[in-house]
Amino acid sequence: MSYEIDGAGFSARLQRSAEAKQALLAKFKPQPTIIDPNAPSRAELKEQALQEVRAERAAARAAKKQAAADAIEAERLAQEQLAAAALDAKRGERKERKALTKAEQKAKRDARYAARKAR
């Protein structure tokens, strides 16, 4: 008499046992990652970050150059102001000398006039 029911034999149990072991092992195998097609790739992210760093550095360089140019321009303006002040001082001295000369000439003229009147 056979106690074997449909698929309940020893070989069937061994086969089911092997399949169960395979299923357990399959849980531990790395699963393929699902990649979002709309998400940027790592290369794109890295390139974007690199572009941002380059832009920041370029802005820093431009700011540094602008600061240097501004300093040179400020120095030039200061020199021009000093030159203009010196020229104004020189003109003022000349006007002062001319005024003194005119006053001296007037005094001489008045002295001659007074001397003529006294005679």
PDB file of N, CA and C in Angstrom:
ATOM      1  N   MET A   1       0.813  -1.140   0.000  1.00  0.00           N
ATOM      2  CA  MET A   1       0.000   0.000   0.000  1.00  0.00           C
ATOM      3  C   MET A   1       0.884   1.239   0.000  1.00  0.00           C
ATOM      4  N   SER A   2       0.489   2.138  -0.771  1.00  0.00           N
ATOM      5  CA  SER A   2       1.287   3.324  -0.944  1.00  0.00           C
ATOM      6  C   SER A   2       0.599   4.482  -0.262  1.00  0.00           C
ATOM      7  N   TYR A   3       1.367   5.175   0.548  1.00  0.00           N
ATOM      8  CA  TYR A   3       0.815   6.330   1.277  1.00  0.00           C
ATOM      9  C   TYR A   3       1.026   7.637   0.514  1.00  0.00           C
ATOM     10  N   GLU A   4       1.414   7.526  -0.663  1.00  0.00           N
ATOM     11  CA  GLU A   4       1.756   8.714  -1.442  1.00  0.00           C
ATOM     12  C   GLU A   4       0.509   9.365  -1.998  1.00  0.00           C
ATOM     13  N   ILE A   5       0.308  10.598  -1.614  1.00  0.00           N
ATOM     14  CA  ILE A   5      -0.791  11.384  -2.159  1.00  0.00           C
ATOM     15  C   ILE A   5      -0.181  12.230  -3.267  1.00  0.00           C
ATOM     16  N   ASP A   6      -1.006  12.714  -4.143  1.00  0.00           N
ATOM     17  CA  ASP A   6      -0.529  13.436  -5.324  1.00  0.00           C
ATOM     18  C   ASP A   6       0.464  14.524  -4.934  1.00  0.00           C
ATOM     19  N   GLY A   7       1.721  14.355  -5.293  1.00  0.00           N
ATOM     20  CA  GLY A   7       2.758  15.341  -5.037  1.00  0.00           C
ATOM     21  C   GLY A   7       3.245  15.360  -3.614  1.00  0.00           C
ATOM     22  N   ALA A   8       2.917  14.379  -2.779  1.00  0.00           N
ATOM     23  CA  ALA A   8       3.328  14.396  -1.392  1.00  0.00           C
ATOM     24  C   ALA A   8       4.458  13.428  -1.157  1.00  0.00           C
ATOM     25  N   GLY A   9       5.089  12.936  -2.231  1.00  0.00           N
ATOM     26  CA  GLY A   9       6.178  11.975  -2.085  1.00  0.00           C
ATOM     27  C   GLY A   9       7.451  12.649  -1.611  1.00  0.00           C
ATOM     28  N   PHE A  10       8.438  11.820  -1.312  1.00  0.00           N
ATOM     29  CA  PHE A  10       9.711  12.314  -0.784  1.00  0.00           C
ATOM     30  C   PHE A  10      10.408  13.220  -1.794  1.00  0.00           C
ATOM     31  N   SER A  11      10.426  12.822  -3.032  1.00  0.00           N
ATOM     32  CA  SER A  11      11.102  13.643  -4.044  1.00  0.00           C
ATOM     33  C   SER A  11      10.391  14.973  -4.241  1.00  0.00           C
ATOM     34  N   ALA A  12       9.091  14.983  -4.124  1.00  0.00           N
ATOM     35  CA  ALA A  12       8.340  16.230  -4.254  1.00  0.00           C
ATOM     36  C   ALA A  12       8.658  17.134  -3.075  1.00  0.00           C
ATOM     37  N   ARG A  13       8.774  16.563  -1.860  1.00  0.00           N
ATOM     38  CA  ARG A  13       9.105  17.368  -0.691  1.00  0.00           C
ATOM     39  C   ARG A  13      10.514  17.929  -0.811  1.00  0.00           C
ATOM     40  N   LEU A  14      11.431  17.158  -1.340  1.00  0.00           N
ATOM     41  CA  LEU A  14      12.795  17.643  -1.545  1.00  0.00           C
ATOM     42  C   LEU A  14      12.807  18.813  -2.542  1.00  0.00           C
ATOM     43  N   GLN A  15      12.015  18.644  -3.559  1.00  0.00           N
ATOM     44  CA  GLN A  15      11.959  19.702  -4.581  1.00  0.00           C
ATOM     45  C   GLN A  15      11.366  20.987  -4.004  1.00  0.00           C
ATOM     46  N   ARG A  16      10.291  20.854  -3.219  1.00  0.00           N
ATOM     47  CA  ARG A  16       9.686  22.036  -2.601  1.00  0.00           C
ATOM     48  C   ARG A  16      10.647  22.678  -1.597  1.00  0.00           C
ATOM     49  N   SER A  17      11.400  21.859  -0.894  1.00  0.00           N
ATOM     50  CA  SER A  17      12.380  22.366   0.056  1.00  0.00           C
ATOM     51  C   SER A  17      13.463  23.162  -0.669  1.00  0.00           C
ATOM     52  N   ALA A  18      13.935  22.640  -1.790  1.00  0.00           N
ATOM     53  CA  ALA A  18      14.960  23.331  -2.580  1.00  0.00           C
ATOM     54  C   ALA A  18      14.418  24.651  -3.115  1.00  0.00           C
ATOM     55  N   GLU A  19      13.166  24.645  -3.546  1.00  0.00           N
ATOM     56  CA  GLU A  19      12.554  25.878  -4.057  1.00  0.00           C
ATOM     57  C   GLU A  19      12.421  26.920  -2.938  1.00  0.00           C
ATOM     58  N   ALA A  20      12.078  26.473  -1.732  1.00  0.00           N
ATOM     59  CA  ALA A  20      11.947  27.391  -0.599  1.00  0.00           C
ATOM     60  C   ALA A  20      13.300  28.005  -0.259  1.00  0.00           C
ATOM     61  N   LYS A  21      14.360  27.156  -0.290  1.00  0.00           N
ATOM     62  CA  LYS A  21      15.709  27.670  -0.022  1.00  0.00           C
ATOM     63  C   LYS A  21      16.101  28.709  -1.078  1.00  0.00           C
ATOM     64  N   GLN A  22      15.767  28.403  -2.326  1.00  0.00           N
ATOM     65  CA  GLN A  22      16.093  29.350  -3.405  1.00  0.00           C
ATOM     66  C   GLN A  22      15.346  30.675  -3.208  1.00  0.00           C
ATOM     67  N   ALA A  23      14.098  30.578  -2.761  1.00  0.00           N
ATOM     68  CA  ALA A  23      13.310  31.791  -2.522  1.00  0.00           C
ATOM     69  C   ALA A  23      13.916  32.612  -1.392  1.00  0.00           C
ATOM     70  N   LEU A  24      14.391  31.925  -0.311  1.00  0.00           N
ATOM     71  CA  LEU A  24      15.031  32.635   0.794  1.00  0.00           C
ATOM     72  C   LEU A  24      16.324  33.312   0.346  1.00  0.00           C
ATOM     73  N   LEU A  25      17.113  32.609  -0.452  1.00  0.00           N
ATOM     74  CA  LEU A  25      18.363  33.184  -0.954  1.00  0.00           C
ATOM     75  C   LEU A  25      18.092  34.347  -1.890  1.00  0.00           C
ATOM     76  N   ALA A  26      17.014  34.271  -2.640  1.00  0.00           N
ATOM     77  CA  ALA A  26      16.687  35.339  -3.584  1.00  0.00           C
ATOM     78  C   ALA A  26      16.379  36.644  -2.852  1.00  0.00           C
ATOM     79  N   LYS A  27      15.878  36.558  -1.607  1.00  0.00           N
ATOM     80  CA  LYS A  27      15.586  37.771  -0.828  1.00  0.00           C
ATOM     81  C   LYS A  27      16.857  38.574  -0.561  1.00  0.00           C
ATOM     82  N   PHE A  28      17.973  37.859  -0.354  1.00  0.00           N
ATOM     83  CA  PHE A  28      19.227  38.520   0.012  1.00  0.00           C
ATOM     84  C   PHE A  28      20.030  39.022  -1.179  1.00  0.00           C
ATOM     85  N   LYS A  29      19.677  38.602  -2.366  1.00  0.00           N
ATOM     86  CA  LYS A  29      20.389  39.071  -3.559  1.00  0.00           C
ATOM     87  C   LYS A  29      20.017  40.533  -3.800  1.00  0.00           C
ATOM     88  N   PRO A  30      20.991  41.345  -4.261  1.00  0.00           N
ATOM     89  CA  PRO A  30      20.683  42.757  -4.530  1.00  0.00           C
ATOM     90  C   PRO A  30      19.667  42.883  -5.656  1.00  0.00           C
ATOM     91  N   GLN A  31      18.684  43.713  -5.396  1.00  0.00           N
ATOM     92  CA  GLN A  31      17.634  43.923  -6.391  1.00  0.00           C
ATOM     93  C   GLN A  31      18.062  45.065  -7.319  1.00  0.00           C
ATOM     94  N   PRO A  32      17.666  44.985  -8.541  1.00  0.00           N
ATOM     95  CA  PRO A  32      18.007  46.095  -9.449  1.00  0.00           C
ATOM     96  C   PRO A  32      17.272  47.359  -8.996  1.00  0.00           C
ATOM     97  N   THR A  33      18.024  48.476  -9.019  1.00  0.00           N
ATOM     98  CA  THR A  33      17.425  49.729  -8.578  1.00  0.00           C
ATOM     99  C   THR A  33      16.510  50.264  -9.669  1.00  0.00           C
ATOM    100  N   ILE A  34      15.462  50.892  -9.216  1.00  0.00           N
ATOM    101  CA  ILE A  34      14.529  51.499 -10.155  1.00  0.00           C
ATOM    102  C   ILE A  34      14.931  52.954 -10.293  1.00  0.00           C
ATOM    103  N   ILE A  35      15.293  53.346 -11.477  1.00  0.00           N
ATOM    104  CA  ILE A  35      15.789  54.692 -11.727  1.00  0.00           C
ATOM    105  C   ILE A  35      14.664  55.524 -12.318  1.00  0.00           C
ATOM    106  N   ASP A  36      14.463  56.670 -11.700  1.00  0.00           N
ATOM    107  CA  ASP A  36      13.447  57.593 -12.197  1.00  0.00           C
ATOM    108  C   ASP A  36      13.975  58.219 -13.488  1.00  0.00           C
ATOM    109  N   PRO A  37      13.270  58.069 -14.580  1.00  0.00           N
ATOM    110  CA  PRO A  37      13.786  58.615 -15.845  1.00  0.00           C
ATOM    111  C   PRO A  37      13.818  60.146 -15.858  1.00  0.00           C
ATOM    112  N   ASN A  38      13.044  60.780 -14.997  1.00  0.00           N
ATOM    113  CA  ASN A  38      13.020  62.243 -14.964  1.00  0.00           C
ATOM    114  C   ASN A  38      14.104  62.828 -14.066  1.00  0.00           C
ATOM    115  N   ALA A  39      14.674  62.003 -13.201  1.00  0.00           N
ATOM    116  CA  ALA A  39      15.702  62.481 -12.272  1.00  0.00           C
ATOM    117  C   ALA A  39      17.018  62.650 -13.016  1.00  0.00           C
ATOM    118  N   PRO A  40      17.790  63.718 -12.673  1.00  0.00           N
ATOM    119  CA  PRO A  40      19.085  63.904 -13.332  1.00  0.00           C
ATOM    120  C   PRO A  40      20.079  62.832 -12.885  1.00  0.00           C
ATOM    121  N   SER A  41      20.961  62.495 -13.781  1.00  0.00           N
ATOM    122  CA  SER A  41      21.957  61.471 -13.457  1.00  0.00           C
ATOM    123  C   SER A  41      23.035  62.074 -12.561  1.00  0.00           C
ATOM    124  N   ARG A  42      23.860  61.203 -12.000  1.00  0.00           N
ATOM    125  CA  ARG A  42      24.942  61.685 -11.124  1.00  0.00           C
ATOM    126  C   ARG A  42      25.913  62.553 -11.908  1.00  0.00           C
ATOM    127  N   ALA A  43      26.171  62.162 -13.143  1.00  0.00           N
ATOM    128  CA  ALA A  43      27.090  62.945 -13.971  1.00  0.00           C
ATOM    129  C   ALA A  43      26.530  64.348 -14.196  1.00  0.00           C
ATOM    130  N   GLU A  44      25.222  64.439 -14.430  1.00  0.00           N
ATOM    131  CA  GLU A  44      24.604  65.746 -14.636  1.00  0.00           C
ATOM    132  C   GLU A  44      24.664  66.581 -13.357  1.00  0.00           C
ATOM    133  N   LEU A  45      24.409  65.942 -12.220  1.00  0.00           N
ATOM    134  CA  LEU A  45      24.480  66.653 -10.939  1.00  0.00           C
ATOM    135  C   LEU A  45      25.896  67.153 -10.668  1.00  0.00           C
ATOM    136  N   LYS A  46      26.871  66.292 -10.957  1.00  0.00           N
ATOM    137  CA  LYS A  46      28.263  66.671 -10.740  1.00  0.00           C
ATOM    138  C   LYS A  46      28.655  67.821 -11.663  1.00  0.00           C
ATOM    139  N   GLU A  47      28.226  67.762 -12.907  1.00  0.00           N
ATOM    140  CA  GLU A  47      28.518  68.820 -13.867  1.00  0.00           C
ATOM    141  C   GLU A  47      27.862  70.134 -13.439  1.00  0.00           C
ATOM    142  N   GLN A  48      26.637  70.038 -12.934  1.00  0.00           N
ATOM    143  CA  GLN A  48      25.936  71.232 -12.467  1.00  0.00           C
ATOM    144  C   GLN A  48      26.670  71.854 -11.281  1.00  0.00           C
ATOM    145  N   ALA A  49      27.091  71.028 -10.339  1.00  0.00           N
ATOM    146  CA  ALA A  49      27.834  71.533  -9.179  1.00  0.00           C
ATOM    147  C   ALA A  49      29.151  72.177  -9.620  1.00  0.00           C
ATOM    148  N   LEU A  50      29.807  71.548 -10.595  1.00  0.00           N
ATOM    149  CA  LEU A  50      31.057  72.081 -11.117  1.00  0.00           C
ATOM    150  C   LEU A  50      30.827  73.432 -11.783  1.00  0.00           C
ATOM    151  N   GLN A  51      29.756  73.551 -12.527  1.00  0.00           N
ATOM    152  CA  GLN A  51      29.427  74.821 -13.172  1.00  0.00           C
ATOM    153  C   GLN A  51      29.159  75.916 -12.128  1.00  0.00           C
ATOM    154  N   GLU A  52      28.471  75.548 -11.046  1.00  0.00           N
ATOM    155  CA  GLU A  52      28.199  76.519  -9.985  1.00  0.00           C
ATOM    156  C   GLU A  52      29.493  76.994  -9.338  1.00  0.00           C
ATOM    157  N   VAL A  53      30.403  76.057  -9.063  1.00  0.00           N
ATOM    158  CA  VAL A  53      31.690  76.428  -8.450  1.00  0.00           C
ATOM    159  C   VAL A  53      32.469  77.328  -9.401  1.00  0.00           C
ATOM    160  N   ARG A  54      32.468  76.975 -10.688  1.00  0.00           N
ATOM    161  CA  ARG A  54      33.185  77.806 -11.669  1.00  0.00           C
ATOM    162  C   ARG A  54      32.582  79.203 -11.742  1.00  0.00           C
ATOM    163  N   ALA A  55      31.257  79.285 -11.698  1.00  0.00           N
ATOM    164  CA  ALA A  55      30.602  80.593 -11.751  1.00  0.00           C
ATOM    165  C   ALA A  55      30.950  81.422 -10.518  1.00  0.00           C
ATOM    166  N   GLU A  56      30.960  80.788  -9.339  1.00  0.00           N
ATOM    167  CA  GLU A  56      31.317  81.499  -8.115  1.00  0.00           C
ATOM    168  C   GLU A  56      32.760  82.011  -8.181  1.00  0.00           C
ATOM    169  N   ARG A  57      33.648  81.176  -8.667  1.00  0.00           N
ATOM    170  CA  ARG A  57      35.057  81.583  -8.758  1.00  0.00           C
ATOM    171  C   ARG A  57      35.227  82.704  -9.778  1.00  0.00           C
ATOM    172  N   ALA A  58      34.511  82.613 -10.897  1.00  0.00           N
ATOM    173  CA  ALA A  58      34.595  83.663 -11.909  1.00  0.00           C
ATOM    174  C   ALA A  58      34.058  84.977 -11.338  1.00  0.00           C
ATOM    175  N   ALA A  59      32.976  84.902 -10.569  1.00  0.00           N
ATOM    176  CA  ALA A  59      32.423  86.108  -9.948  1.00  0.00           C
ATOM    177  C   ALA A  59      33.419  86.695  -8.949  1.00  0.00           C
ATOM    178  N   ALA A  60      34.083  85.835  -8.193  1.00  0.00           N
ATOM    179  CA  ALA A  60      35.077  86.308  -7.229  1.00  0.00           C
ATOM    180  C   ALA A  60      36.248  86.983  -7.946  1.00  0.00           C
ATOM    181  N   ARG A  61      36.697  86.365  -9.052  1.00  0.00           N
ATOM    182  CA  ARG A  61      37.793  86.963  -9.824  1.00  0.00           C
ATOM    183  C   ARG A  61      37.366  88.310 -10.392  1.00  0.00           C
ATOM    184  N   ALA A  62      36.147  88.378 -10.921  1.00  0.00           N
ATOM    185  CA  ALA A  62      35.653  89.630 -11.496  1.00  0.00           C
ATOM    186  C   ALA A  62      35.540  90.702 -10.415  1.00  0.00           C
ATOM    187  N   ALA A  63      35.077  90.331  -9.229  1.00  0.00           N
ATOM    188  CA  ALA A  63      34.971  91.290  -8.128  1.00  0.00           C
ATOM    189  C   ALA A  63      36.353  91.790  -7.712  1.00  0.00           C
ATOM    190  N   LYS A  64      37.318  90.882  -7.688  1.00  0.00           N
ATOM    191  CA  LYS A  64      38.688  91.260  -7.317  1.00  0.00           C
ATOM    192  C   LYS A  64      39.271  92.228  -8.345  1.00  0.00           C
ATOM    193  N   LYS A  65      39.059  91.925  -9.635  1.00  0.00           N
ATOM    194  CA  LYS A  65      39.551  92.816 -10.689  1.00  0.00           C
ATOM    195  C   LYS A  65      38.861  94.165 -10.614  1.00  0.00           C
ATOM    196  N   GLN A  66      37.557  94.154 -10.353  1.00  0.00           N
ATOM    197  CA  GLN A  66      36.806  95.403 -10.251  1.00  0.00           C
ATOM    198  C   GLN A  66      37.295  96.234  -9.071  1.00  0.00           C
ATOM    199  N   ALA A  67      37.582  95.570  -7.958  1.00  0.00           N
ATOM    200  CA  ALA A  67      38.086  96.282  -6.784  1.00  0.00           C
ATOM    201  C   ALA A  67      39.441  96.917  -7.095  1.00  0.00           C
ATOM    202  N   ALA A  68      40.298  96.177  -7.809  1.00  0.00           N
ATOM    203  CA  ALA A  68      41.606  96.720  -8.182  1.00  0.00           C
ATOM    204  C   ALA A  68      41.430  97.914  -9.118  1.00  0.00           C
ATOM    205  N   ALA A  69      40.529  97.777 -10.087  1.00  0.00           N
ATOM    206  CA  ALA A  69      40.282  98.878 -11.022  1.00  0.00           C
ATOM    207  C   ALA A  69      39.706 100.083 -10.292  1.00  0.00           C
ATOM    208  N   ASP A  70      38.814  99.844  -9.338  1.00  0.00           N
ATOM    209  CA  ASP A  70      38.242 100.939  -8.555  1.00  0.00           C
ATOM    210  C   ASP A  70      39.319 101.640  -7.730  1.00  0.00           C
ATOM    211  N   ALA A  71      40.238 100.866  -7.170  1.00  0.00           N
ATOM    212  CA  ALA A  71      41.316 101.455  -6.378  1.00  0.00           C
ATOM    213  C   ALA A  71      42.218 102.322  -7.265  1.00  0.00           C
ATOM    214  N   ILE A  72      42.517 101.829  -8.468  1.00  0.00           N
ATOM    215  CA  ILE A  72      43.351 102.604  -9.396  1.00  0.00           C
ATOM    216  C   ILE A  72      42.628 103.886  -9.796  1.00  0.00           C
ATOM    217  N   GLU A  73      41.334 103.770 -10.074  1.00  0.00           N
ATOM    218  CA  GLU A  73      40.545 104.939 -10.458  1.00  0.00           C
ATOM    219  C   GLU A  73      40.482 105.949  -9.310  1.00  0.00           C
ATOM    220  N   ALA A  74      40.314 105.473  -8.091  1.00  0.00           N
ATOM    221  CA  ALA A  74      40.272 106.361  -6.936  1.00  0.00           C
ATOM    222  C   ALA A  74      41.618 107.075  -6.767  1.00  0.00           C
ATOM    223  N   GLU A  75      42.709 106.357  -6.979  1.00  0.00           N
ATOM    224  CA  GLU A  75      44.042 106.956  -6.882  1.00  0.00           C
ATOM    225  C   GLU A  75      44.222 108.027  -7.954  1.00  0.00           C
ATOM    226  N   ARG A  76      43.742 107.730  -9.165  1.00  0.00           N
ATOM    227  CA  ARG A  76      43.855 108.686 -10.263  1.00  0.00           C
ATOM    228  C   ARG A  76      43.038 109.950  -9.951  1.00  0.00           C
ATOM    229  N   LEU A  77      41.817 109.749  -9.435  1.00  0.00           N
ATOM    230  CA  LEU A  77      40.988 110.901  -9.087  1.00  0.00           C
ATOM    231  C   LEU A  77      41.631 111.733  -7.975  1.00  0.00           C
ATOM    232  N   ALA A  78      42.235 111.065  -7.006  1.00  0.00           N
ATOM    233  CA  ALA A  78      42.909 111.782  -5.919  1.00  0.00           C
ATOM    234  C   ALA A  78      44.069 112.604  -6.476  1.00  0.00           C
ATOM    235  N   GLN A  79      44.819 112.025  -7.414  1.00  0.00           N
ATOM    236  CA  GLN A  79      45.939 112.756  -8.023  1.00  0.00           C
ATOM    237  C   GLN A  79      45.425 113.968  -8.793  1.00  0.00           C
ATOM    238  N   GLU A  80      44.314 113.770  -9.527  1.00  0.00           N
ATOM    239  CA  GLU A  80      43.730 114.889 -10.279  1.00  0.00           C
ATOM    240  C   GLU A  80      43.266 115.994  -9.327  1.00  0.00           C
ATOM    241  N   GLN A  81      42.675 115.619  -8.208  1.00  0.00           N
ATOM    242  CA  GLN A  81      42.214 116.608  -7.241  1.00  0.00           C
ATOM    243  C   GLN A  81      43.391 117.362  -6.630  1.00  0.00           C
ATOM    244  N   LEU A  82      44.462 116.624  -6.355  1.00  0.00           N
ATOM    245  CA  LEU A  82      45.655 117.290  -5.819  1.00  0.00           C
ATOM    246  C   LEU A  82      46.228 118.272  -6.840  1.00  0.00           C
ATOM    247  N   ALA A  83      46.271 117.843  -8.098  1.00  0.00           N
ATOM    248  CA  ALA A  83      46.794 118.716  -9.146  1.00  0.00           C
ATOM    249  C   ALA A  83      45.896 119.941  -9.303  1.00  0.00           C
ATOM    250  N   ALA A  84      44.571 119.747  -9.272  1.00  0.00           N
ATOM    251  CA  ALA A  84      43.648 120.873  -9.392  1.00  0.00           C
ATOM    252  C   ALA A  84      43.797 121.829  -8.211  1.00  0.00           C
ATOM    253  N   ALA A  85      43.983 121.286  -7.009  1.00  0.00           N
ATOM    254  CA  ALA A  85      44.165 122.117  -5.827  1.00  0.00           C
ATOM    255  C   ALA A  85      45.467 122.913  -5.929  1.00  0.00           C
ATOM    256  N   ALA A  86      46.526 122.279  -6.415  1.00  0.00           N
ATOM    257  CA  ALA A  86      47.800 122.970  -6.570  1.00  0.00           C
ATOM    258  C   ALA A  86      47.666 124.092  -7.601  1.00  0.00           C
ATOM    259  N   LEU A  87      46.946 123.811  -8.693  1.00  0.00           N
ATOM    260  CA  LEU A  87      46.746 124.822  -9.727  1.00  0.00           C
ATOM    261  C   LEU A  87      45.930 125.993  -9.191  1.00  0.00           C
ATOM    262  N   ASP A  88      44.887 125.676  -8.418  1.00  0.00           N
ATOM    263  CA  ASP A  88      44.084 126.740  -7.817  1.00  0.00           C
ATOM    264  C   ASP A  88      44.923 127.579  -6.861  1.00  0.00           C
ATOM    265  N   ALA A  89      45.769 126.918  -6.081  1.00  0.00           N
ATOM    266  CA  ALA A  89      46.636 127.655  -5.150  1.00  0.00           C
ATOM    267  C   ALA A  89      47.595 128.552  -5.925  1.00  0.00           C
ATOM    268  N   LYS A  90      48.135 128.035  -7.015  1.00  0.00           N
ATOM    269  CA  LYS A  90      49.065 128.808  -7.827  1.00  0.00           C
ATOM    270  C   LYS A  90      48.353 130.019  -8.435  1.00  0.00           C
ATOM    271  N   ARG A  91      47.136 129.805  -8.932  1.00  0.00           N
ATOM    272  CA  ARG A  91      46.365 130.908  -9.491  1.00  0.00           C
ATOM    273  C   ARG A  91      46.037 131.948  -8.418  1.00  0.00           C
ATOM    274  N   GLY A  92      45.701 131.451  -7.237  1.00  0.00           N
ATOM    275  CA  GLY A  92      45.398 132.363  -6.133  1.00  0.00           C
ATOM    276  C   GLY A  92      46.600 133.221  -5.775  1.00  0.00           C
ATOM    277  N   GLU A  93      47.778 132.575  -5.763  1.00  0.00           N
ATOM    278  CA  GLU A  93      48.998 133.335  -5.462  1.00  0.00           C
ATOM    279  C   GLU A  93      49.251 134.396  -6.528  1.00  0.00           C
ATOM    280  N   ARG A  94      49.036 134.019  -7.796  1.00  0.00           N
ATOM    281  CA  ARG A  94      49.260 134.969  -8.886  1.00  0.00           C
ATOM    282  C   ARG A  94      48.284 136.139  -8.776  1.00  0.00           C
ATOM    283  N   LYS A  95      47.008 135.848  -8.462  1.00  0.00           N
ATOM    284  CA  LYS A  95      46.025 136.919  -8.307  1.00  0.00           C
ATOM    285  C   LYS A  95      46.411 137.829  -7.146  1.00  0.00           C
ATOM    286  N   GLU A  96      46.889 137.201  -6.091  1.00  0.00           N
ATOM    287  CA  GLU A  96      47.304 137.972  -4.917  1.00  0.00           C
ATOM    288  C   GLU A  96      48.477 138.889  -5.269  1.00  0.00           C
ATOM    289  N   ARG A  97      49.460 138.326  -6.008  1.00  0.00           N
ATOM    290  CA  ARG A  97      50.615 139.132  -6.421  1.00  0.00           C
ATOM    291  C   ARG A  97      50.180 140.291  -7.314  1.00  0.00           C
ATOM    292  N   LYS A  98      49.265 139.984  -8.240  1.00  0.00           N
ATOM    293  CA  LYS A  98      48.792 141.037  -9.132  1.00  0.00           C
ATOM    294  C   LYS A  98      48.054 142.108  -8.349  1.00  0.00           C
ATOM    295  N   ALA A  99      47.250 141.673  -7.379  1.00  0.00           N
ATOM    296  CA  ALA A  99      46.530 142.648  -6.566  1.00  0.00           C
ATOM    297  C   ALA A  99      47.508 143.516  -5.780  1.00  0.00           C
ATOM    298  N   LEU A 100      48.547 142.877  -5.230  1.00  0.00           N
ATOM    299  CA  LEU A 100      49.559 143.649  -4.499  1.00  0.00           C
ATOM    300  C   LEU A 100      50.283 144.590  -5.445  1.00  0.00           C
ATOM    301  N   THR A 101      50.585 144.098  -6.621  1.00  0.00           N
ATOM    302  CA  THR A 101      51.290 144.933  -7.588  1.00  0.00           C
ATOM    303  C   THR A 101      50.412 146.120  -7.963  1.00  0.00           C
ATOM    304  N   LYS A 102      49.130 145.865  -8.199  1.00  0.00           N
ATOM    305  CA  LYS A 102      48.220 146.963  -8.532  1.00  0.00           C
ATOM    306  C   LYS A 102      48.129 147.952  -7.373  1.00  0.00           C
ATOM    307  N   ALA A 103      48.079 147.422  -6.164  1.00  0.00           N
ATOM    308  CA  ALA A 103      48.008 148.311  -4.997  1.00  0.00           C
ATOM    309  C   ALA A 103      49.283 149.130  -4.871  1.00  0.00           C
ATOM    310  N   GLU A 104      50.437 148.506  -5.124  1.00  0.00           N
ATOM    311  CA  GLU A 104      51.719 149.228  -5.051  1.00  0.00           C
ATOM    312  C   GLU A 104      51.770 150.301  -6.136  1.00  0.00           C
ATOM    313  N   GLN A 105      51.299 149.932  -7.337  1.00  0.00           N
ATOM    314  CA  GLN A 105      51.304 150.903  -8.439  1.00  0.00           C
ATOM    315  C   GLN A 105      50.401 152.086  -8.114  1.00  0.00           C
ATOM    316  N   LYS A 106      49.226 151.772  -7.519  1.00  0.00           N
ATOM    317  CA  LYS A 106      48.311 152.846  -7.157  1.00  0.00           C
ATOM    318  C   LYS A 106      48.932 153.733  -6.084  1.00  0.00           C
ATOM    319  N   ALA A 107      49.621 153.080  -5.122  1.00  0.00           N
ATOM    320  CA  ALA A 107      50.272 153.858  -4.064  1.00  0.00           C
ATOM    321  C   ALA A 107      51.355 154.764  -4.662  1.00  0.00           C
ATOM    322  N   LYS A 108      52.122 154.274  -5.622  1.00  0.00           N
ATOM    323  CA  LYS A 108      53.169 155.078  -6.266  1.00  0.00           C
ATOM    324  C   LYS A 108      52.530 156.242  -7.026  1.00  0.00           C
ATOM    325  N   ARG A 109      51.430 155.923  -7.724  1.00  0.00           N
ATOM    326  CA  ARG A 109      50.741 156.946  -8.481  1.00  0.00           C
ATOM    327  C   ARG A 109      50.206 158.036  -7.555  1.00  0.00           C
ATOM    328  N   ASP A 110      49.599 157.579  -6.466  1.00  0.00           N
ATOM    329  CA  ASP A 110      49.069 158.534  -5.504  1.00  0.00           C
ATOM    330  C   ASP A 110      50.204 159.383  -4.896  1.00  0.00           C
ATOM    331  N   ALA A 111      51.345 158.727  -4.649  1.00  0.00           N
ATOM    332  CA  ALA A 111      52.489 159.439  -4.083  1.00  0.00           C
ATOM    333  C   ALA A 111      52.985 160.494  -5.083  1.00  0.00           C
ATOM    334  N   ARG A 112      53.037 160.146  -6.359  1.00  0.00           N
ATOM    335  CA  ARG A 112      53.475 161.097  -7.378  1.00  0.00           C
ATOM    336  C   ARG A 112      52.473 162.241  -7.481  1.00  0.00           C
ATOM    337  N   TYR A 113      51.197 161.887  -7.422  1.00  0.00           N
ATOM    338  CA  TYR A 113      50.161 162.916  -7.497  1.00  0.00           C
ATOM    339  C   TYR A 113      50.248 163.853  -6.296  1.00  0.00           C
ATOM    340  N   ALA A 114      50.442 163.238  -5.134  1.00  0.00           N
ATOM    341  CA  ALA A 114      50.550 164.055  -3.931  1.00  0.00           C
ATOM    342  C   ALA A 114      51.802 164.924  -3.991  1.00  0.00           C
ATOM    343  N   ALA A 115      52.911 164.398  -4.540  1.00  0.00           N
ATOM    344  CA  ALA A 115      54.146 165.161  -4.639  1.00  0.00           C
ATOM    345  C   ALA A 115      53.961 166.323  -5.620  1.00  0.00           C
ATOM    346  N   ARG A 116      53.213 166.097  -6.684  1.00  0.00           N
ATOM    347  CA  ARG A 116      52.941 167.163  -7.643  1.00  0.00           C
ATOM    348  C   ARG A 116      52.101 168.270  -6.998  1.00  0.00           C
ATOM    349  N   LYS A 117      51.122 167.809  -6.216  1.00  0.00           N
ATOM    350  CA  LYS A 117      50.240 168.765  -5.542  1.00  0.00           C
ATOM    351  C   LYS A 117      51.007 169.584  -4.508  1.00  0.00           C
ATOM    352  N   ALA A 118      51.978 168.917  -3.891  1.00  0.00           N
ATOM    353  CA  ALA A 118      52.739 169.597  -2.840  1.00  0.00           C
ATOM    354  C   ALA A 118      53.652 170.638  -3.440  1.00  0.00           C
ATOM    355  N   ARG A 119      54.058 170.535  -4.679  1.00  0.00           N
ATOM    356  CA  ARG A 119      54.972 171.504  -5.271  1.00  0.00           C
ATOM    357  C   ARG A 119      54.247 172.721  -5.583  1.00  0.00           C
TER     358      ARG A 119
END
